[in-house]
Amino acid sequence: MRAIKGLLNLVLGLLTAVLGTVLGLVAAVVWILGAVLCATILLIPLGLPVIRLGSRLFTLARQLMRFP
């Protein structure tokens, strides 16, 4: 029983690490998209919320990457 619990913790740890990595990559793409939108003066109102969303995604990815 103890071995199964340890194996389950290992698998869940790896799964959350992979999910955090993928979410970090998505957050990077979203943040870059927001920066490109902010590069044009007319699209700044669209770019700022997109950058804020990218920052929140980075925070969530960092929380997923923590080891339990």
N, C-alpha and C. Protein backbone atom coordinates (compact mmCIF):
# COMPACT_ATOMS: atom_id res chain seq x y z
N MET A 1 0.82 -1.19 0.00
CA MET A 1 0.00 0.00 0.00
C MET A 1 0.87 1.25 0.00
N ARG A 2 1.93 1.19 0.76
CA ARG A 2 2.83 2.33 0.86
C ARG A 2 3.53 2.61 -0.48
N ALA A 3 3.89 1.53 -1.19
CA ALA A 3 4.56 1.67 -2.48
C ALA A 3 3.61 2.26 -3.51
N ILE A 4 2.35 1.85 -3.47
CA ILE A 4 1.37 2.39 -4.41
C ILE A 4 1.15 3.87 -4.17
N LYS A 5 1.10 4.25 -2.89
CA LYS A 5 0.92 5.66 -2.55
C LYS A 5 2.12 6.49 -3.01
N GLY A 6 3.32 5.97 -2.84
CA GLY A 6 4.52 6.66 -3.30
C GLY A 6 4.56 6.79 -4.81
N LEU A 7 4.15 5.73 -5.51
CA LEU A 7 4.12 5.77 -6.97
C LEU A 7 3.08 6.76 -7.45
N LEU A 8 1.93 6.79 -6.80
CA LEU A 8 0.89 7.75 -7.16
C LEU A 8 1.36 9.18 -6.95
N ASN A 9 2.05 9.44 -5.86
CA ASN A 9 2.59 10.78 -5.61
C ASN A 9 3.61 11.17 -6.67
N LEU A 10 4.42 10.21 -7.09
CA LEU A 10 5.42 10.48 -8.12
C LEU A 10 4.75 10.81 -9.45
N VAL A 11 3.75 10.03 -9.82
CA VAL A 11 3.05 10.27 -11.09
C VAL A 11 2.32 11.61 -11.06
N LEU A 12 1.65 11.91 -9.96
CA LEU A 12 0.95 13.19 -9.86
C LEU A 12 1.94 14.36 -9.86
N GLY A 13 3.08 14.18 -9.24
CA GLY A 13 4.10 15.23 -9.26
C GLY A 13 4.62 15.49 -10.66
N LEU A 14 4.87 14.42 -11.40
CA LEU A 14 5.33 14.58 -12.78
C LEU A 14 4.25 15.20 -13.65
N LEU A 15 3.01 14.78 -13.47
CA LEU A 15 1.91 15.32 -14.26
C LEU A 15 1.72 16.81 -14.01
N THR A 16 1.77 17.23 -12.75
CA THR A 16 1.61 18.66 -12.47
C THR A 16 2.81 19.46 -12.96
N ALA A 17 4.01 18.86 -12.95
CA ALA A 17 5.18 19.56 -13.47
C ALA A 17 5.06 19.76 -14.98
N VAL A 18 4.61 18.73 -15.69
CA VAL A 18 4.42 18.86 -17.14
C VAL A 18 3.32 19.86 -17.44
N LEU A 19 2.23 19.81 -16.69
CA LEU A 19 1.14 20.76 -16.89
C LEU A 19 1.59 22.19 -16.60
N GLY A 20 2.39 22.37 -15.57
CA GLY A 20 2.92 23.69 -15.27
C GLY A 20 3.84 24.21 -16.35
N THR A 21 4.63 23.32 -16.95
CA THR A 21 5.52 23.72 -18.04
C THR A 21 4.72 24.15 -19.26
N VAL A 22 3.71 23.37 -19.61
CA VAL A 22 2.87 23.71 -20.76
C VAL A 22 2.14 25.03 -20.51
N LEU A 23 1.62 25.20 -19.30
CA LEU A 23 0.93 26.45 -18.97
C LEU A 23 1.90 27.63 -18.99
N GLY A 24 3.14 27.41 -18.59
CA GLY A 24 4.14 28.48 -18.67
C GLY A 24 4.42 28.89 -20.11
N LEU A 25 4.47 27.92 -21.01
CA LEU A 25 4.67 28.24 -22.43
C LEU A 25 3.48 29.00 -23.00
N VAL A 26 2.27 28.58 -22.63
CA VAL A 26 1.07 29.30 -23.08
C VAL A 26 1.07 30.72 -22.52
N ALA A 27 1.47 30.87 -21.27
CA ALA A 27 1.53 32.20 -20.66
C ALA A 27 2.54 33.09 -21.38
N ALA A 28 3.65 32.51 -21.80
CA ALA A 28 4.65 33.30 -22.52
C ALA A 28 4.10 33.79 -23.85
N VAL A 29 3.38 32.92 -24.55
CA VAL A 29 2.80 33.32 -25.84
C VAL A 29 1.74 34.39 -25.63
N VAL A 30 0.91 34.25 -24.61
CA VAL A 30 -0.12 35.25 -24.32
C VAL A 30 0.52 36.58 -23.95
N TRP A 31 1.58 36.53 -23.15
CA TRP A 31 2.24 37.77 -22.74
C TRP A 31 2.88 38.47 -23.94
N ILE A 32 3.52 37.71 -24.82
CA ILE A 32 4.13 38.30 -26.02
C ILE A 32 3.05 38.90 -26.92
N LEU A 33 1.91 38.22 -27.04
CA LEU A 33 0.81 38.76 -27.82
C LEU A 33 0.34 40.09 -27.24
N GLY A 34 0.24 40.17 -25.92
CA GLY A 34 -0.14 41.43 -25.28
C GLY A 34 0.89 42.53 -25.52
N ALA A 35 2.16 42.17 -25.51
CA ALA A 35 3.21 43.16 -25.76
C ALA A 35 3.14 43.67 -27.20
N VAL A 36 2.85 42.79 -28.14
CA VAL A 36 2.71 43.21 -29.54
C VAL A 36 1.49 44.11 -29.70
N LEU A 37 0.41 43.78 -29.01
CA LEU A 37 -0.77 44.65 -29.07
C LEU A 37 -0.48 46.02 -28.47
N CYS A 38 0.33 46.07 -27.42
CA CYS A 38 0.66 47.35 -26.81
C CYS A 38 1.64 48.15 -27.66
N ALA A 39 2.30 47.51 -28.61
CA ALA A 39 3.26 48.22 -29.45
C ALA A 39 2.54 49.22 -30.36
N THR A 40 1.31 48.92 -30.72
CA THR A 40 0.53 49.88 -31.50
C THR A 40 -0.30 50.70 -30.52
N ILE A 41 -0.28 51.99 -30.68
CA ILE A 41 -0.91 52.89 -29.70
C ILE A 41 -2.42 52.68 -29.64
N LEU A 42 -3.05 52.35 -30.77
CA LEU A 42 -4.50 52.19 -30.77
C LEU A 42 -4.96 50.93 -30.04
N LEU A 43 -4.11 49.93 -29.94
CA LEU A 43 -4.51 48.66 -29.33
C LEU A 43 -4.04 48.50 -27.88
N ILE A 44 -3.57 49.57 -27.26
CA ILE A 44 -3.13 49.50 -25.86
C ILE A 44 -4.27 49.05 -24.94
N PRO A 45 -5.52 49.51 -25.13
CA PRO A 45 -6.59 49.01 -24.25
C PRO A 45 -6.82 47.50 -24.36
N LEU A 46 -6.48 46.89 -25.47
CA LEU A 46 -6.58 45.44 -25.59
C LEU A 46 -5.33 44.74 -25.06
N GLY A 47 -4.18 45.37 -25.22
CA GLY A 47 -2.93 44.73 -24.84
C GLY A 47 -2.72 44.63 -23.34
N LEU A 48 -3.14 45.63 -22.59
CA LEU A 48 -2.92 45.61 -21.14
C LEU A 48 -3.65 44.47 -20.43
N PRO A 49 -4.93 44.22 -20.73
CA PRO A 49 -5.57 43.05 -20.09
C PRO A 49 -4.96 41.72 -20.52
N VAL A 50 -4.47 41.65 -21.75
CA VAL A 50 -3.84 40.41 -22.22
C VAL A 50 -2.52 40.18 -21.47
N ILE A 51 -1.77 41.22 -21.24
CA ILE A 51 -0.53 41.10 -20.46
C ILE A 51 -0.86 40.69 -19.02
N ARG A 52 -1.92 41.26 -18.46
CA ARG A 52 -2.33 40.91 -17.10
C ARG A 52 -2.74 39.43 -17.04
N LEU A 53 -3.44 38.95 -18.07
CA LEU A 53 -3.82 37.54 -18.13
C LEU A 53 -2.57 36.65 -18.21
N GLY A 54 -1.59 37.06 -19.01
CA GLY A 54 -0.34 36.30 -19.10
C GLY A 54 0.38 36.23 -17.77
N SER A 55 0.36 37.31 -17.02
CA SER A 55 0.99 37.32 -15.71
C SER A 55 0.29 36.38 -14.74
N ARG A 56 -1.04 36.36 -14.80
CA ARG A 56 -1.78 35.43 -13.93
C ARG A 56 -1.50 33.99 -14.31
N LEU A 57 -1.37 33.72 -15.60
CA LEU A 57 -1.05 32.37 -16.04
C LEU A 57 0.35 31.96 -15.58
N PHE A 58 1.30 32.91 -15.61
CA PHE A 58 2.65 32.61 -15.08
C PHE A 58 2.58 32.26 -13.60
N THR A 59 1.77 32.98 -12.84
CA THR A 59 1.63 32.70 -11.42
C THR A 59 1.06 31.30 -11.19
N LEU A 60 0.04 30.96 -11.97
CA LEU A 60 -0.56 29.63 -11.85
C LEU A 60 0.43 28.54 -12.25
N ALA A 61 1.21 28.79 -13.29
CA ALA A 61 2.22 27.81 -13.71
C ALA A 61 3.27 27.62 -12.63
N ARG A 62 3.68 28.70 -11.99
CA ARG A 62 4.66 28.60 -10.91
C ARG A 62 4.10 27.80 -9.74
N GLN A 63 2.82 27.97 -9.42
CA GLN A 63 2.21 27.20 -8.34
C GLN A 63 2.14 25.72 -8.68
N LEU A 64 1.91 25.41 -9.96
CA LEU A 64 1.84 24.01 -10.37
C LEU A 64 3.22 23.36 -10.34
N MET A 65 4.26 24.13 -10.54
CA MET A 65 5.61 23.56 -10.60
C MET A 65 6.18 23.27 -9.22
N ARG A 66 5.55 23.72 -8.15
CA ARG A 66 6.05 23.44 -6.81
C ARG A 66 5.89 21.97 -6.49
N PHE A 67 6.84 21.46 -5.76
CA PHE A 67 6.76 20.08 -5.32
C PHE A 67 5.94 20.01 -4.04
N PRO A 68 5.08 19.01 -3.91
CA PRO A 68 4.22 18.92 -2.71
C PRO A 68 5.01 18.60 -1.46
